[in-house]
C-alpha atoms as a PDB file:
ATOM      1  CA  MET A   1       0.291   0.435   0.388  1.00  0.00           C
ATOM      2  CA  ASN A   2       1.223   3.034  -1.156  1.00  0.00           C
ATOM      3  CA  ILE A   3       1.814   5.816   1.708  1.00  0.00           C
ATOM      4  CA  THR A   4      -0.332   8.629  -0.278  1.00  0.00           C
ATOM      5  CA  PHE A   5      -3.615   5.780   0.553  1.00  0.00           C
ATOM      6  CA  ILE A   6      -2.674   6.448   4.363  1.00  0.00           C
ATOM      7  CA  MET A   7      -2.977  10.015   4.244  1.00  0.00           C
ATOM      8  CA  ASN A   8      -6.270  12.561   3.899  1.00  0.00           C
ATOM      9  CA  HIS A   9      -7.056  15.498   2.013  1.00  0.00           C
ATOM     10  CA  ARG A  10      -5.551  18.063   3.911  1.00  0.00           C
ATOM     11  CA  GLU A  11      -2.029  16.392   4.364  1.00  0.00           C
ATOM     12  CA  ILE A  12      -2.143  15.324   1.110  1.00  0.00           C
ATOM     13  CA  THR A  13      -2.629  19.217   0.109  1.00  0.00           C
ATOM     14  CA  LYS A  14       0.237  20.878   2.364  1.00  0.00           C
ATOM     15  CA  LYS A  15       2.553  18.186   0.975  1.00  0.00           C
ATOM     16  CA  TYR A  16       1.667  19.242  -2.359  1.00  0.00           C
ATOM     17  CA  SER A  17       2.155  22.868  -1.443  1.00  0.00           C
ATOM     18  CA  GLU A  18       5.753  22.064   0.260  1.00  0.00           C
ATOM     19  CA  LEU A  19       6.368  20.142  -3.061  1.00  0.00           C
ATOM     20  CA  LEU A  20       5.251  23.356  -4.996  1.00  0.00           C
ATOM     21  CA  ASN A  21       7.226  25.767  -3.096  1.00  0.00           C
ATOM     22  CA  LYS A  22      10.360  23.247  -3.502  1.00  0.00           C
ATOM     23  CA  ALA A  23      10.107  23.387  -6.886  1.00  0.00           C
ATOM     24  CA  GLU A  24       9.612  27.479  -6.574  1.00  0.00           C
ATOM     25  CA  PHE A  25      13.747  27.521  -5.004  1.00  0.00           C
ATOM     26  CA  ALA A  26      15.210  24.205  -6.674  1.00  0.00           C
ATOM     27  CA  ASN A  27      18.563  24.942  -7.849  1.00  0.00           C
ATOM     28  CA  GLY A  28      19.182  22.251 -10.430  1.00  0.00           C
ATOM     29  CA  ARG A  29      16.308  20.848 -13.640  1.00  0.00           C
ATOM     30  CA  LYS A  30      16.509  17.258 -12.684  1.00  0.00           C
ATOM     31  CA  GLU A  31      15.718  18.437  -8.607  1.00  0.00           C
ATOM     32  CA  VAL A  32      13.141  20.653 -10.449  1.00  0.00           C
ATOM     33  CA  VAL A  33      11.730  17.704 -12.521  1.00  0.00           C
ATOM     34  CA  GLY A  34      11.270  15.499  -9.603  1.00  0.00           C
ATOM     35  CA  LEU A  35       9.834  17.472  -7.451  1.00  0.00           C
ATOM     36  CA  LEU A  36       6.879  18.563 -10.128  1.00  0.00           C
ATOM     37  CA  LYS A  37       6.001  14.537 -10.449  1.00  0.00           C
ATOM     38  CA  LYS A  38       6.079  14.147  -6.369  1.00  0.00           C
ATOM     39  CA  ALA A  39       3.776  16.739  -6.552  1.00  0.00           C
ATOM     40  CA  ALA A  40       1.973  15.203  -9.813  1.00  0.00           C
ATOM     41  CA  LYS A  41       0.765  12.166  -8.195  1.00  0.00           C
ATOM     42  CA  LEU A  42      -0.084  14.010  -5.028  1.00  0.00           C
ATOM     43  CA  LYS A  43      -2.489  15.475  -7.764  1.00  0.00           C
ATOM     44  CA  SER A  44      -3.714  12.843  -9.116  1.00  0.00           C
ATOM     45  CA  GLN A  45      -4.177  11.381  -4.916  1.00  0.00           C
ATOM     46  CA  ILE A  46      -6.114  14.180  -4.600  1.00  0.00           C
ATOM     47  CA  GLU A  47      -8.622  14.648  -7.326  1.00  0.00           C
ATOM     48  CA  ILE A  48      -9.141  10.868  -7.057  1.00  0.00           C
ATOM     49  CA  ASN A  49      -9.972  10.857  -3.586  1.00  0.00           C
ATOM     50  CA  TYR A  50     -12.502  13.649  -3.577  1.00  0.00           C
END
């Protein structure tokens, strides 16, 4: 079971916001892309569950 299934909506949106903030201040392209991919996974969890 994936950890995102255990998290509730508020926790997912908080983590999503944190990832976008980190991506905004990230140094390299790979770091930004990695953070945005993680954020996209969380956003899909928000859309699926709610």
